[in-house]
Amino acid sequence: MKELSVFIDESGDFGPYEYRSPYYIVTLVFHEQSVDISDSISHLNKKLQQFKLPETPLHAGPLIRREYEYDNYSLLERKRIFNLLYNFTRTTDFSYKCLVVEKKQLVDELDLHVQLSKQLSVFFKENVEFFTKFDNTTVYYDYGQRELTHVIVTNFSIHISNIRYKKALPADYKLVQAADMICTLELLAQKMERKALSNSEQTFFGSEKKLYKSYLRAIQKKQI
């Protein structure tokens, strides 16, 4: 039997538009269970041991901004940690889809639900062949946002049969952390397009050109 795992993470919230959080992004990572990625996970954990982080879920955005758990790490150390997760994300055999909504364009508080559902519906319809080749599908999400949980369950249940849902904490699944990395990179891509990178982001990556050539270009090739 062919099984598909879907790991989900988000960036943003369902609150009103704010200048500091202009986008809502959802990343869906698709991994075929027949593809063994245990060696990649072991390699990442081994590399993280030097930073005393193998059991700690990595968060790409806070690494860039030097927030909470990373405030004792230098810029060079944070870049090395970021690159470890990035390289795991880039080289591990999975595909992904990003849903992106610019909150400034929303007409009311329900419109984010509507826009996400529309994007998911179109995506499922355009990729029927991909999803129908699997006998079972398991969706992993931490249920961190009730509104997104509702959007996920409603739309997946409509378009995919033989589906189950499982609560997935980032600490337990490296592919949830990979979804977080992709959310961060997609947000950076959106901001770069509008010349809106923050000072901390420009310092971390050096330049828009380096950000695109060293990170965005390669990761976007994995998108369905």
N, C-alpha and C. Protein backbone atom coordinates (compact mmCIF):
# COMPACT_ATOMS: atom_id res chain seq x y z
N MET A 1 0.84 -1.20 0.00
CA MET A 1 0.00 0.00 0.00
C MET A 1 0.87 1.26 0.00
N LYS A 2 0.48 2.23 -0.79
CA LYS A 2 1.23 3.48 -0.86
C LYS A 2 0.63 4.49 0.11
N GLU A 3 1.51 5.08 0.92
CA GLU A 3 1.06 6.03 1.93
C GLU A 3 1.74 7.38 1.75
N LEU A 4 0.97 8.43 1.96
CA LEU A 4 1.47 9.80 1.86
C LEU A 4 1.35 10.47 3.22
N SER A 5 2.42 11.15 3.62
CA SER A 5 2.38 11.97 4.83
C SER A 5 2.44 13.44 4.42
N VAL A 6 1.61 14.25 5.08
CA VAL A 6 1.57 15.69 4.81
C VAL A 6 1.87 16.42 6.11
N PHE A 7 2.97 17.16 6.12
CA PHE A 7 3.38 17.91 7.31
C PHE A 7 3.11 19.40 7.07
N ILE A 8 2.46 20.05 8.04
CA ILE A 8 1.97 21.40 7.83
C ILE A 8 2.50 22.36 8.90
N ASP A 9 2.90 23.54 8.44
CA ASP A 9 3.25 24.62 9.36
C ASP A 9 2.79 25.93 8.75
N GLU A 10 2.66 26.97 9.59
CA GLU A 10 2.15 28.24 9.11
C GLU A 10 2.99 29.40 9.62
N SER A 11 2.88 30.53 8.94
CA SER A 11 3.50 31.78 9.36
C SER A 11 2.44 32.85 9.33
N GLY A 12 2.22 33.52 10.47
CA GLY A 12 1.17 34.53 10.55
C GLY A 12 0.03 34.07 11.42
N ASP A 13 -1.04 34.86 11.45
CA ASP A 13 -2.21 34.51 12.26
C ASP A 13 -3.48 35.01 11.57
N PHE A 14 -4.61 34.66 12.17
CA PHE A 14 -5.91 35.01 11.60
C PHE A 14 -6.41 36.37 12.09
N GLY A 15 -5.57 37.10 12.79
CA GLY A 15 -5.97 38.43 13.26
C GLY A 15 -5.98 39.44 12.13
N PRO A 16 -6.30 40.70 12.44
CA PRO A 16 -6.36 41.75 11.42
C PRO A 16 -4.97 42.05 10.85
N TYR A 17 -4.97 42.69 9.71
CA TYR A 17 -3.71 43.07 9.06
C TYR A 17 -2.87 43.97 9.96
N GLU A 18 -1.57 43.65 10.02
CA GLU A 18 -0.61 44.50 10.72
C GLU A 18 0.61 44.68 9.83
N TYR A 19 1.23 45.82 9.93
CA TYR A 19 2.38 46.14 9.09
C TYR A 19 3.50 45.12 9.27
N ARG A 20 3.70 44.67 10.51
CA ARG A 20 4.80 43.74 10.79
C ARG A 20 4.48 42.30 10.38
N SER A 21 3.22 42.01 10.09
CA SER A 21 2.84 40.65 9.69
C SER A 21 1.87 40.73 8.52
N PRO A 22 2.36 41.10 7.33
CA PRO A 22 1.47 41.37 6.21
C PRO A 22 0.97 40.13 5.46
N TYR A 23 1.59 38.96 5.71
CA TYR A 23 1.23 37.76 4.95
C TYR A 23 0.81 36.63 5.88
N TYR A 24 -0.06 35.79 5.34
CA TYR A 24 -0.35 34.52 6.00
C TYR A 24 0.10 33.42 5.04
N ILE A 25 0.99 32.56 5.52
CA ILE A 25 1.59 31.54 4.67
C ILE A 25 1.40 30.16 5.31
N VAL A 26 0.98 29.21 4.51
CA VAL A 26 0.85 27.82 4.96
C VAL A 26 1.72 26.95 4.05
N THR A 27 2.56 26.13 4.64
CA THR A 27 3.38 25.20 3.86
C THR A 27 2.93 23.77 4.11
N LEU A 28 2.73 23.04 3.04
CA LEU A 28 2.38 21.63 3.11
C LEU A 28 3.52 20.83 2.51
N VAL A 29 4.16 20.00 3.32
CA VAL A 29 5.26 19.15 2.87
C VAL A 29 4.72 17.74 2.62
N PHE A 30 4.98 17.22 1.41
CA PHE A 30 4.46 15.91 1.01
C PHE A 30 5.59 14.89 0.96
N HIS A 31 5.47 13.85 1.78
CA HIS A 31 6.51 12.83 1.84
C HIS A 31 5.90 11.44 1.63
N GLU A 32 6.41 10.73 0.64
CA GLU A 32 5.97 9.35 0.40
C GLU A 32 6.65 8.44 1.41
N GLN A 33 5.84 7.69 2.14
CA GLN A 33 6.37 6.88 3.24
C GLN A 33 7.35 5.81 2.77
N SER A 34 7.29 5.43 1.52
CA SER A 34 8.22 4.41 1.00
C SER A 34 9.64 4.95 0.87
N VAL A 35 9.79 6.28 0.93
CA VAL A 35 11.10 6.90 0.82
C VAL A 35 11.69 7.05 2.22
N ASP A 36 12.77 6.34 2.48
CA ASP A 36 13.41 6.35 3.79
C ASP A 36 14.29 7.59 3.96
N ILE A 37 13.98 8.41 4.95
CA ILE A 37 14.78 9.61 5.19
C ILE A 37 15.48 9.55 6.55
N SER A 38 15.53 8.38 7.14
CA SER A 38 16.11 8.25 8.49
C SER A 38 17.58 8.64 8.53
N ASP A 39 18.33 8.34 7.47
CA ASP A 39 19.75 8.72 7.45
C ASP A 39 19.91 10.24 7.44
N SER A 40 19.05 10.93 6.71
CA SER A 40 19.10 12.39 6.67
C SER A 40 18.80 12.99 8.04
N ILE A 41 17.84 12.41 8.74
CA ILE A 41 17.48 12.89 10.08
C ILE A 41 18.63 12.64 11.05
N SER A 42 19.22 11.46 10.98
CA SER A 42 20.35 11.12 11.86
C SER A 42 21.53 12.04 11.61
N HIS A 43 21.78 12.33 10.34
CA HIS A 43 22.89 13.22 9.99
C HIS A 43 22.66 14.62 10.55
N LEU A 44 21.43 15.12 10.42
CA LEU A 44 21.11 16.45 10.96
C LEU A 44 21.28 16.47 12.47
N ASN A 45 20.76 15.47 13.16
CA ASN A 45 20.88 15.42 14.62
C ASN A 45 22.34 15.37 15.06
N LYS A 46 23.13 14.61 14.34
CA LYS A 46 24.56 14.50 14.68
C LYS A 46 25.25 15.85 14.55
N LYS A 47 24.94 16.57 13.47
CA LYS A 47 25.56 17.88 13.25
C LYS A 47 25.12 18.89 14.31
N LEU A 48 23.87 18.75 14.78
CA LEU A 48 23.34 19.70 15.75
C LEU A 48 23.89 19.48 17.16
N GLN A 49 24.48 18.32 17.39
CA GLN A 49 25.02 18.03 18.71
C GLN A 49 26.06 19.05 19.15
N GLN A 50 26.83 19.57 18.22
CA GLN A 50 27.87 20.55 18.57
C GLN A 50 27.28 21.85 19.10
N PHE A 51 26.00 22.09 18.77
CA PHE A 51 25.31 23.28 19.28
C PHE A 51 24.37 22.95 20.44
N LYS A 52 24.39 21.68 20.87
CA LYS A 52 23.52 21.20 21.95
C LYS A 52 22.04 21.43 21.61
N LEU A 53 21.70 21.13 20.35
CA LEU A 53 20.34 21.35 19.88
C LEU A 53 19.66 20.13 19.26
N PRO A 54 20.17 18.91 19.39
CA PRO A 54 19.57 17.80 18.64
C PRO A 54 18.12 17.51 18.99
N GLU A 55 17.70 17.80 20.23
CA GLU A 55 16.33 17.50 20.63
C GLU A 55 15.44 18.75 20.62
N THR A 56 16.01 19.86 20.21
CA THR A 56 15.25 21.12 20.22
C THR A 56 14.74 21.42 18.82
N PRO A 57 13.44 21.72 18.67
CA PRO A 57 12.94 22.06 17.33
C PRO A 57 13.55 23.36 16.85
N LEU A 58 14.03 23.37 15.63
CA LEU A 58 14.63 24.57 15.06
C LEU A 58 13.54 25.46 14.47
N HIS A 59 13.72 26.77 14.64
CA HIS A 59 12.78 27.75 14.09
C HIS A 59 13.58 28.75 13.26
N ALA A 60 13.34 28.75 11.96
CA ALA A 60 14.17 29.53 11.04
C ALA A 60 14.07 31.03 11.28
N GLY A 61 12.87 31.55 11.46
CA GLY A 61 12.70 32.98 11.66
C GLY A 61 13.43 33.50 12.88
N PRO A 62 13.23 32.90 14.05
CA PRO A 62 13.96 33.33 15.25
C PRO A 62 15.47 33.21 15.12
N LEU A 63 15.95 32.25 14.34
CA LEU A 63 17.39 32.15 14.09
C LEU A 63 17.90 33.41 13.38
N ILE A 64 17.14 33.87 12.40
CA ILE A 64 17.53 35.07 11.66
C ILE A 64 17.50 36.29 12.57
N ARG A 65 16.46 36.38 13.39
CA ARG A 65 16.26 37.59 14.21
C ARG A 65 16.94 37.52 15.58
N ARG A 66 17.58 36.40 15.87
CA ARG A 66 18.27 36.17 17.15
C ARG A 66 17.30 36.30 18.33
N GLU A 67 16.19 35.59 18.24
CA GLU A 67 15.18 35.64 19.29
C GLU A 67 15.40 34.54 20.34
N TYR A 68 14.78 34.73 21.47
CA TYR A 68 14.78 33.86 22.66
C TYR A 68 15.85 32.78 22.69
N GLU A 69 15.55 31.56 22.22
CA GLU A 69 16.49 30.45 22.44
C GLU A 69 17.82 30.60 21.70
N TYR A 70 17.92 31.58 20.82
CA TYR A 70 19.16 31.76 20.05
C TYR A 70 19.92 33.04 20.44
N ASP A 71 19.51 33.69 21.51
CA ASP A 71 20.16 34.96 21.84
C ASP A 71 21.60 34.81 22.35
N ASN A 72 22.00 33.59 22.69
CA ASN A 72 23.38 33.35 23.13
C ASN A 72 24.29 32.88 22.01
N TYR A 73 23.75 32.80 20.80
CA TYR A 73 24.54 32.35 19.65
C TYR A 73 24.97 33.55 18.81
N SER A 74 26.19 33.50 18.31
CA SER A 74 26.70 34.56 17.45
C SER A 74 26.04 34.49 16.08
N LEU A 75 26.25 35.52 15.26
CA LEU A 75 25.71 35.52 13.90
C LEU A 75 26.24 34.33 13.11
N LEU A 76 27.53 34.05 13.24
CA LEU A 76 28.13 32.92 12.53
C LEU A 76 27.53 31.61 12.98
N GLU A 77 27.32 31.43 14.27
CA GLU A 77 26.73 30.19 14.78
C GLU A 77 25.28 30.05 14.31
N ARG A 78 24.53 31.13 14.33
CA ARG A 78 23.14 31.06 13.87
C ARG A 78 23.06 30.74 12.39
N LYS A 79 23.97 31.27 11.60
CA LYS A 79 24.01 30.93 10.18
C LYS A 79 24.31 29.45 9.98
N ARG A 80 25.22 28.93 10.76
CA ARG A 80 25.57 27.50 10.64
C ARG A 80 24.39 26.61 11.01
N ILE A 81 23.68 26.97 12.07
CA ILE A 81 22.49 26.21 12.47
C ILE A 81 21.42 26.31 11.39
N PHE A 82 21.19 27.53 10.91
CA PHE A 82 20.20 27.74 9.85
C PHE A 82 20.54 26.90 8.63
N ASN A 83 21.80 26.89 8.25
CA ASN A 83 22.22 26.15 7.05
C ASN A 83 22.07 24.64 7.22
N LEU A 84 22.23 24.15 8.45
CA LEU A 84 22.03 22.72 8.69
C LEU A 84 20.58 22.33 8.38
N LEU A 85 19.64 23.12 8.90
CA LEU A 85 18.23 22.81 8.62
C LEU A 85 17.90 23.08 7.16
N TYR A 86 18.47 24.14 6.60
CA TYR A 86 18.22 24.44 5.19
C TYR A 86 18.70 23.29 4.30
N ASN A 87 19.91 22.80 4.53
CA ASN A 87 20.45 21.73 3.71
C ASN A 87 19.66 20.43 3.87
N PHE A 88 19.18 20.17 5.07
CA PHE A 88 18.28 19.03 5.27
C PHE A 88 17.02 19.21 4.43
N THR A 89 16.46 20.41 4.47
CA THR A 89 15.23 20.70 3.72
C THR A 89 15.46 20.60 2.22
N ARG A 90 16.59 21.10 1.77
CA ARG A 90 16.89 21.11 0.33
C ARG A 90 17.16 19.71 -0.22
N THR A 91 17.84 18.86 0.54
CA THR A 91 18.30 17.58 0.01
C THR A 91 17.38 16.40 0.32
N THR A 92 16.51 16.54 1.30
CA THR A 92 15.61 15.43 1.65
C THR A 92 14.53 15.28 0.60
N ASP A 93 14.19 14.05 0.30
CA ASP A 93 13.27 13.74 -0.80
C ASP A 93 11.82 13.97 -0.40
N PHE A 94 11.32 15.17 -0.68
CA PHE A 94 9.91 15.50 -0.51
C PHE A 94 9.58 16.65 -1.45
N SER A 95 8.30 16.93 -1.60
CA SER A 95 7.85 18.09 -2.38
C SER A 95 6.98 18.95 -1.46
N TYR A 96 6.64 20.15 -1.91
CA TYR A 96 5.83 21.01 -1.05
C TYR A 96 4.96 21.95 -1.86
N LYS A 97 4.00 22.54 -1.15
CA LYS A 97 3.14 23.57 -1.71
C LYS A 97 2.97 24.67 -0.68
N CYS A 98 3.10 25.92 -1.11
CA CYS A 98 2.86 27.07 -0.24
C CYS A 98 1.56 27.76 -0.62
N LEU A 99 0.75 28.07 0.38
CA LEU A 99 -0.42 28.92 0.21
C LEU A 99 -0.05 30.28 0.77
N VAL A 100 -0.22 31.32 -0.03
CA VAL A 100 0.19 32.67 0.39
C VAL A 100 -0.99 33.63 0.23
N VAL A 101 -1.30 34.34 1.31
CA VAL A 101 -2.36 35.35 1.28
C VAL A 101 -1.79 36.66 1.81
N GLU A 102 -1.94 37.73 1.03
CA GLU A 102 -1.55 39.05 1.50
C GLU A 102 -2.72 39.64 2.29
N LYS A 103 -2.55 39.76 3.58
CA LYS A 103 -3.66 40.12 4.46
C LYS A 103 -4.22 41.51 4.19
N LYS A 104 -3.41 42.37 3.60
CA LYS A 104 -3.86 43.73 3.29
C LYS A 104 -5.01 43.71 2.29
N GLN A 105 -5.10 42.64 1.49
CA GLN A 105 -6.13 42.55 0.45
C GLN A 105 -7.43 41.92 0.95
N LEU A 106 -7.46 41.44 2.19
CA LEU A 106 -8.65 40.77 2.70
C LEU A 106 -9.77 41.78 2.95
N VAL A 107 -11.01 41.35 2.67
CA VAL A 107 -12.13 42.28 2.79
C VAL A 107 -12.80 42.22 4.17
N ASP A 108 -12.72 41.07 4.84
CA ASP A 108 -13.29 40.95 6.19
C ASP A 108 -12.61 39.80 6.92
N GLU A 109 -13.02 39.54 8.15
CA GLU A 109 -12.34 38.55 8.99
C GLU A 109 -12.52 37.11 8.51
N LEU A 110 -13.52 36.86 7.67
CA LEU A 110 -13.74 35.51 7.14
C LEU A 110 -12.99 35.27 5.84
N ASP A 111 -12.50 36.34 5.23
CA ASP A 111 -11.92 36.22 3.89
C ASP A 111 -10.65 35.38 3.87
N LEU A 112 -9.90 35.35 4.98
CA LEU A 112 -8.70 34.51 5.01
C LEU A 112 -9.07 33.05 4.90
N HIS A 113 -10.13 32.62 5.60
CA HIS A 113 -10.62 31.25 5.46
C HIS A 113 -10.97 30.96 4.00
N VAL A 114 -11.67 31.90 3.39
CA VAL A 114 -12.14 31.73 2.01
C VAL A 114 -10.96 31.62 1.05
N GLN A 115 -9.98 32.51 1.19
CA GLN A 115 -8.84 32.51 0.28
C GLN A 115 -8.00 31.24 0.41
N LEU A 116 -7.77 30.79 1.63
CA LEU A 116 -7.01 29.56 1.83
C LEU A 116 -7.75 28.36 1.26
N SER A 117 -9.05 28.30 1.48
CA SER A 117 -9.86 27.19 0.97
C SER A 117 -9.87 27.18 -0.56
N LYS A 118 -9.94 28.35 -1.17
CA LYS A 118 -9.91 28.43 -2.63
C LYS A 118 -8.59 27.92 -3.18
N GLN A 119 -7.49 28.34 -2.57
CA GLN A 119 -6.18 27.91 -3.03
C GLN A 119 -6.01 26.39 -2.87
N LEU A 120 -6.47 25.87 -1.75
CA LEU A 120 -6.38 24.42 -1.53
C LEU A 120 -7.22 23.65 -2.53
N SER A 121 -8.43 24.13 -2.77
CA SER A 121 -9.33 23.45 -3.70
C SER A 121 -8.74 23.39 -5.11
N VAL A 122 -8.19 24.52 -5.57
CA VAL A 122 -7.57 24.58 -6.89
C VAL A 122 -6.37 23.63 -6.94
N PHE A 123 -5.57 23.65 -5.88
CA PHE A 123 -4.38 22.79 -5.82
C PHE A 123 -4.76 21.31 -5.91
N PHE A 124 -5.74 20.90 -5.14
CA PHE A 124 -6.16 19.50 -5.17
C PHE A 124 -6.69 19.10 -6.55
N LYS A 125 -7.47 19.96 -7.16
CA LYS A 125 -8.05 19.66 -8.47
C LYS A 125 -6.98 19.57 -9.55
N GLU A 126 -5.94 20.40 -9.43
CA GLU A 126 -4.87 20.39 -10.42
C GLU A 126 -3.90 19.21 -10.23
N ASN A 127 -3.98 18.56 -9.08
CA ASN A 127 -3.03 17.48 -8.78
C ASN A 127 -3.73 16.18 -8.38
N VAL A 128 -4.89 15.95 -8.98
CA VAL A 128 -5.68 14.75 -8.68
C VAL A 128 -4.86 13.48 -8.90
N GLU A 129 -4.11 13.46 -9.99
CA GLU A 129 -3.31 12.28 -10.32
C GLU A 129 -2.32 11.94 -9.21
N PHE A 130 -1.70 12.95 -8.65
CA PHE A 130 -0.71 12.74 -7.59
C PHE A 130 -1.37 12.13 -6.36
N PHE A 131 -2.49 12.68 -5.93
CA PHE A 131 -3.10 12.24 -4.68
C PHE A 131 -3.81 10.88 -4.80
N THR A 132 -4.36 10.58 -5.96
CA THR A 132 -5.10 9.33 -6.11
C THR A 132 -4.21 8.09 -6.19
N LYS A 133 -2.91 8.29 -6.33
CA LYS A 133 -2.02 7.13 -6.39
C LYS A 133 -1.70 6.56 -5.00
N PHE A 134 -2.16 7.27 -3.94
CA PHE A 134 -1.91 6.81 -2.58
C PHE A 134 -3.15 6.14 -1.99
N ASP A 135 -2.91 5.06 -1.28
CA ASP A 135 -4.02 4.35 -0.63
C ASP A 135 -4.44 5.03 0.66
N ASN A 136 -3.48 5.60 1.37
CA ASN A 136 -3.76 6.27 2.64
C ASN A 136 -2.97 7.57 2.75
N THR A 137 -3.55 8.54 3.44
CA THR A 137 -2.88 9.82 3.66
C THR A 137 -3.02 10.20 5.13
N THR A 138 -1.89 10.62 5.73
CA THR A 138 -1.91 11.12 7.10
C THR A 138 -1.44 12.57 7.11
N VAL A 139 -2.23 13.42 7.73
CA VAL A 139 -1.91 14.84 7.82
C VAL A 139 -1.40 15.14 9.23
N TYR A 140 -0.21 15.74 9.31
CA TYR A 140 0.42 16.08 10.58
C TYR A 140 0.40 17.59 10.78
N TYR A 141 -0.22 18.02 11.87
CA TYR A 141 -0.26 19.45 12.21
C TYR A 141 -0.34 19.56 13.74
N ASP A 142 0.19 20.64 14.28
CA ASP A 142 0.21 20.75 15.75
C ASP A 142 -1.07 21.34 16.33
N TYR A 143 -2.06 21.62 15.47
CA TYR A 143 -3.34 22.20 15.89
C TYR A 143 -3.14 23.54 16.60
N GLY A 144 -2.05 24.24 16.25
CA GLY A 144 -1.72 25.47 16.92
C GLY A 144 -2.70 26.60 16.66
N GLN A 145 -3.36 26.57 15.50
CA GLN A 145 -4.35 27.60 15.19
C GLN A 145 -5.67 26.91 14.82
N ARG A 146 -6.68 27.17 15.61
CA ARG A 146 -7.97 26.50 15.43
C ARG A 146 -8.56 26.78 14.05
N GLU A 147 -8.42 28.04 13.60
CA GLU A 147 -8.99 28.40 12.29
C GLU A 147 -8.33 27.63 11.15
N LEU A 148 -7.01 27.51 11.21
CA LEU A 148 -6.31 26.76 10.16
C LEU A 148 -6.64 25.28 10.25
N THR A 149 -6.75 24.76 11.46
CA THR A 149 -7.14 23.36 11.63
C THR A 149 -8.47 23.09 10.91
N HIS A 150 -9.41 24.00 11.07
CA HIS A 150 -10.72 23.84 10.41
C HIS A 150 -10.57 23.85 8.89
N VAL A 151 -9.77 24.78 8.36
CA VAL A 151 -9.55 24.86 6.92
C VAL A 151 -8.93 23.57 6.41
N ILE A 152 -7.94 23.06 7.12
CA ILE A 152 -7.24 21.84 6.72
C ILE A 152 -8.18 20.65 6.69
N VAL A 153 -8.85 20.42 7.81
CA VAL A 153 -9.72 19.23 7.92
C VAL A 153 -10.85 19.30 6.90
N THR A 154 -11.46 20.46 6.75
CA THR A 154 -12.59 20.58 5.80
C THR A 154 -12.15 20.28 4.37
N ASN A 155 -11.05 20.88 3.94
CA ASN A 155 -10.64 20.74 2.54
C ASN A 155 -9.99 19.40 2.23
N PHE A 156 -9.17 18.89 3.13
CA PHE A 156 -8.58 17.58 2.89
C PHE A 156 -9.65 16.50 2.87
N SER A 157 -10.62 16.60 3.76
CA SER A 157 -11.67 15.58 3.83
C SER A 157 -12.53 15.57 2.58
N ILE A 158 -12.70 16.72 1.95
CA ILE A 158 -13.49 16.81 0.72
C ILE A 158 -12.76 16.17 -0.45
N HIS A 159 -11.47 16.38 -0.54
CA HIS A 159 -10.72 16.01 -1.75
C HIS A 159 -9.94 14.70 -1.66
N ILE A 160 -9.73 14.20 -0.44
CA ILE A 160 -8.90 13.00 -0.29
C ILE A 160 -9.64 11.96 0.55
N SER A 161 -9.68 10.74 0.08
CA SER A 161 -10.30 9.65 0.84
C SER A 161 -9.24 8.93 1.66
N ASN A 162 -9.68 8.10 2.59
CA ASN A 162 -8.77 7.33 3.45
C ASN A 162 -7.73 8.24 4.11
N ILE A 163 -8.22 9.23 4.81
CA ILE A 163 -7.33 10.21 5.43
C ILE A 163 -7.49 10.18 6.94
N ARG A 164 -6.37 10.43 7.62
CA ARG A 164 -6.42 10.56 9.08
C ARG A 164 -5.58 11.76 9.48
N TYR A 165 -5.82 12.25 10.69
CA TYR A 165 -5.14 13.45 11.17
C TYR A 165 -4.40 13.11 12.47
N LYS A 166 -3.20 13.63 12.58
CA LYS A 166 -2.38 13.33 13.75
C LYS A 166 -1.72 14.60 14.25
N LYS A 167 -1.80 14.84 15.56
CA LYS A 167 -1.14 16.00 16.15
C LYS A 167 0.37 15.80 16.09
N ALA A 168 1.07 16.81 15.57
CA ALA A 168 2.52 16.66 15.37
C ALA A 168 3.24 17.88 15.93
N LEU A 169 3.97 17.68 17.01
CA LEU A 169 4.77 18.76 17.57
C LEU A 169 6.08 18.86 16.80
N PRO A 170 6.57 20.07 16.54
CA PRO A 170 7.81 20.24 15.77
C PRO A 170 8.99 19.46 16.34
N ALA A 171 9.07 19.33 17.65
CA ALA A 171 10.18 18.60 18.26
C ALA A 171 10.20 17.14 17.86
N ASP A 172 9.06 16.61 17.46
CA ASP A 172 8.96 15.18 17.15
C ASP A 172 9.15 14.86 15.68
N TYR A 173 9.06 15.87 14.81
CA TYR A 173 9.11 15.61 13.37
C TYR A 173 9.98 16.65 12.67
N LYS A 174 11.07 16.18 12.08
CA LYS A 174 11.96 17.09 11.37
C LYS A 174 11.28 17.68 10.14
N LEU A 175 10.30 16.99 9.56
CA LEU A 175 9.63 17.52 8.37
C LEU A 175 8.67 18.66 8.73
N VAL A 176 8.23 18.73 9.98
CA VAL A 176 7.49 19.92 10.42
C VAL A 176 8.45 21.10 10.50
N GLN A 177 9.67 20.84 10.97
CA GLN A 177 10.69 21.90 11.01
C GLN A 177 11.09 22.33 9.60
N ALA A 178 11.08 21.38 8.66
CA ALA A 178 11.35 21.73 7.26
C ALA A 178 10.23 22.62 6.72
N ALA A 179 8.99 22.33 7.10
CA ALA A 179 7.86 23.17 6.68
C ALA A 179 8.01 24.58 7.25
N ASP A 180 8.50 24.68 8.49
CA ASP A 180 8.78 26.00 9.08
C ASP A 180 9.84 26.74 8.29
N MET A 181 10.91 26.04 7.89
CA MET A 181 11.96 26.65 7.08
C MET A 181 11.39 27.19 5.77
N ILE A 182 10.54 26.42 5.12
CA ILE A 182 9.97 26.84 3.84
C ILE A 182 9.04 28.04 4.03
N CYS A 183 8.26 28.05 5.11
CA CYS A 183 7.42 29.21 5.41
C CYS A 183 8.28 30.47 5.51
N THR A 184 9.39 30.35 6.21
CA THR A 184 10.29 31.51 6.39
C THR A 184 10.87 31.95 5.06
N LEU A 185 11.32 31.00 4.24
CA LEU A 185 11.90 31.35 2.95
C LEU A 185 10.86 31.97 2.01
N GLU A 186 9.63 31.46 2.05
CA GLU A 186 8.57 32.04 1.22
C GLU A 186 8.25 33.46 1.67
N LEU A 187 8.23 33.68 2.97
CA LEU A 187 8.00 35.03 3.48
C LEU A 187 9.11 35.97 3.02
N LEU A 188 10.35 35.49 3.07
CA LEU A 188 11.48 36.30 2.60
C LEU A 188 11.36 36.60 1.11
N ALA A 189 10.90 35.63 0.34
CA ALA A 189 10.71 35.83 -1.10
C ALA A 189 9.67 36.92 -1.36
N GLN A 190 8.57 36.88 -0.61
CA GLN A 190 7.53 37.88 -0.76
C GLN A 190 8.05 39.27 -0.39
N LYS A 191 8.79 39.35 0.70
CA LYS A 191 9.33 40.64 1.16
C LYS A 191 10.40 41.16 0.20
N MET A 192 11.23 40.25 -0.31
CA MET A 192 12.28 40.65 -1.24
C MET A 192 11.68 41.23 -2.51
N GLU A 193 10.60 40.63 -2.96
CA GLU A 193 9.94 41.12 -4.18
C GLU A 193 9.46 42.55 -4.02
N ARG A 194 9.13 42.91 -2.79
CA ARG A 194 8.62 44.25 -2.51
C ARG A 194 9.67 45.15 -1.85
N LYS A 195 10.94 44.71 -1.91
CA LYS A 195 12.05 45.49 -1.32
C LYS A 195 11.77 45.83 0.13
N ALA A 196 11.31 44.83 0.89
CA ALA A 196 10.88 45.08 2.27
C ALA A 196 11.62 44.22 3.29
N LEU A 197 12.81 43.73 2.95
CA LEU A 197 13.58 42.95 3.92
C LEU A 197 13.98 43.83 5.09
N SER A 198 13.93 43.25 6.29
CA SER A 198 14.31 44.00 7.49
C SER A 198 15.83 44.10 7.59
N ASN A 199 16.30 44.93 8.51
CA ASN A 199 17.74 45.07 8.71
C ASN A 199 18.37 43.76 9.17
N SER A 200 17.68 43.03 10.06
CA SER A 200 18.22 41.76 10.54
C SER A 200 18.29 40.73 9.43
N GLU A 201 17.33 40.75 8.51
CA GLU A 201 17.33 39.81 7.39
C GLU A 201 18.45 40.15 6.40
N GLN A 202 18.65 41.42 6.14
CA GLN A 202 19.73 41.82 5.24
C GLN A 202 21.10 41.52 5.84
N THR A 203 21.23 41.71 7.14
CA THR A 203 22.49 41.38 7.81
C THR A 203 22.76 39.89 7.77
N PHE A 204 21.74 39.10 7.99
CA PHE A 204 21.89 37.65 8.04
C PHE A 204 22.30 37.07 6.69
N PHE A 205 21.67 37.53 5.61
CA PHE A 205 21.90 36.95 4.28
C PHE A 205 22.92 37.74 3.44
N GLY A 206 23.21 38.95 3.82
CA GLY A 206 24.21 39.72 3.10
C GLY A 206 23.63 40.60 2.01
N SER A 207 22.79 40.03 1.15
CA SER A 207 22.17 40.79 0.07
C SER A 207 21.01 39.99 -0.50
N GLU A 208 20.13 40.66 -1.24
CA GLU A 208 19.02 39.97 -1.90
C GLU A 208 19.55 38.94 -2.90
N LYS A 209 20.62 39.28 -3.60
CA LYS A 209 21.20 38.37 -4.58
C LYS A 209 21.68 37.08 -3.92
N LYS A 210 22.33 37.21 -2.77
CA LYS A 210 22.81 36.02 -2.06
C LYS A 210 21.65 35.19 -1.53
N LEU A 211 20.63 35.88 -1.03
CA LEU A 211 19.44 35.18 -0.54
C LEU A 211 18.81 34.34 -1.64
N TYR A 212 18.66 34.93 -2.81
CA TYR A 212 18.04 34.20 -3.92
C TYR A 212 18.93 33.06 -4.41
N LYS A 213 20.19 33.35 -4.70
CA LYS A 213 21.08 32.36 -5.30
C LYS A 213 21.42 31.22 -4.34
N SER A 214 21.58 31.53 -3.06
CA SER A 214 22.03 30.52 -2.10
C SER A 214 20.90 29.76 -1.43
N TYR A 215 19.68 30.32 -1.46
CA TYR A 215 18.59 29.69 -0.72
C TYR A 215 17.31 29.53 -1.54
N LEU A 216 16.75 30.62 -2.02
CA LEU A 216 15.43 30.56 -2.64
C LEU A 216 15.41 29.75 -3.93
N ARG A 217 16.38 29.94 -4.78
CA ARG A 217 16.37 29.29 -6.10
C ARG A 217 16.33 27.78 -5.98
N ALA A 218 17.14 27.22 -5.10
CA ALA A 218 17.19 25.76 -4.96
C ALA A 218 15.93 25.19 -4.31
N ILE A 219 15.45 25.86 -3.27
CA ILE A 219 14.32 25.31 -2.53
C ILE A 219 13.04 25.37 -3.37
N GLN A 220 12.89 26.40 -4.20
CA GLN A 220 11.67 26.55 -4.99
C GLN A 220 11.53 25.46 -6.06
N LYS A 221 12.60 24.78 -6.37
CA LYS A 221 12.53 23.66 -7.32
C LYS A 221 11.78 22.47 -6.77
N LYS A 222 11.60 22.42 -5.45
CA LYS A 222 10.90 21.30 -4.83
C LYS A 222 9.38 21.51 -4.78
N GLN A 223 8.94 22.70 -5.18
CA GLN A 223 7.51 23.01 -5.07
C GLN A 223 6.71 22.30 -6.16
N ILE A 224 5.58 21.77 -5.77
CA ILE A 224 4.67 21.13 -6.74
C ILE A 224 4.02 22.21 -7.59
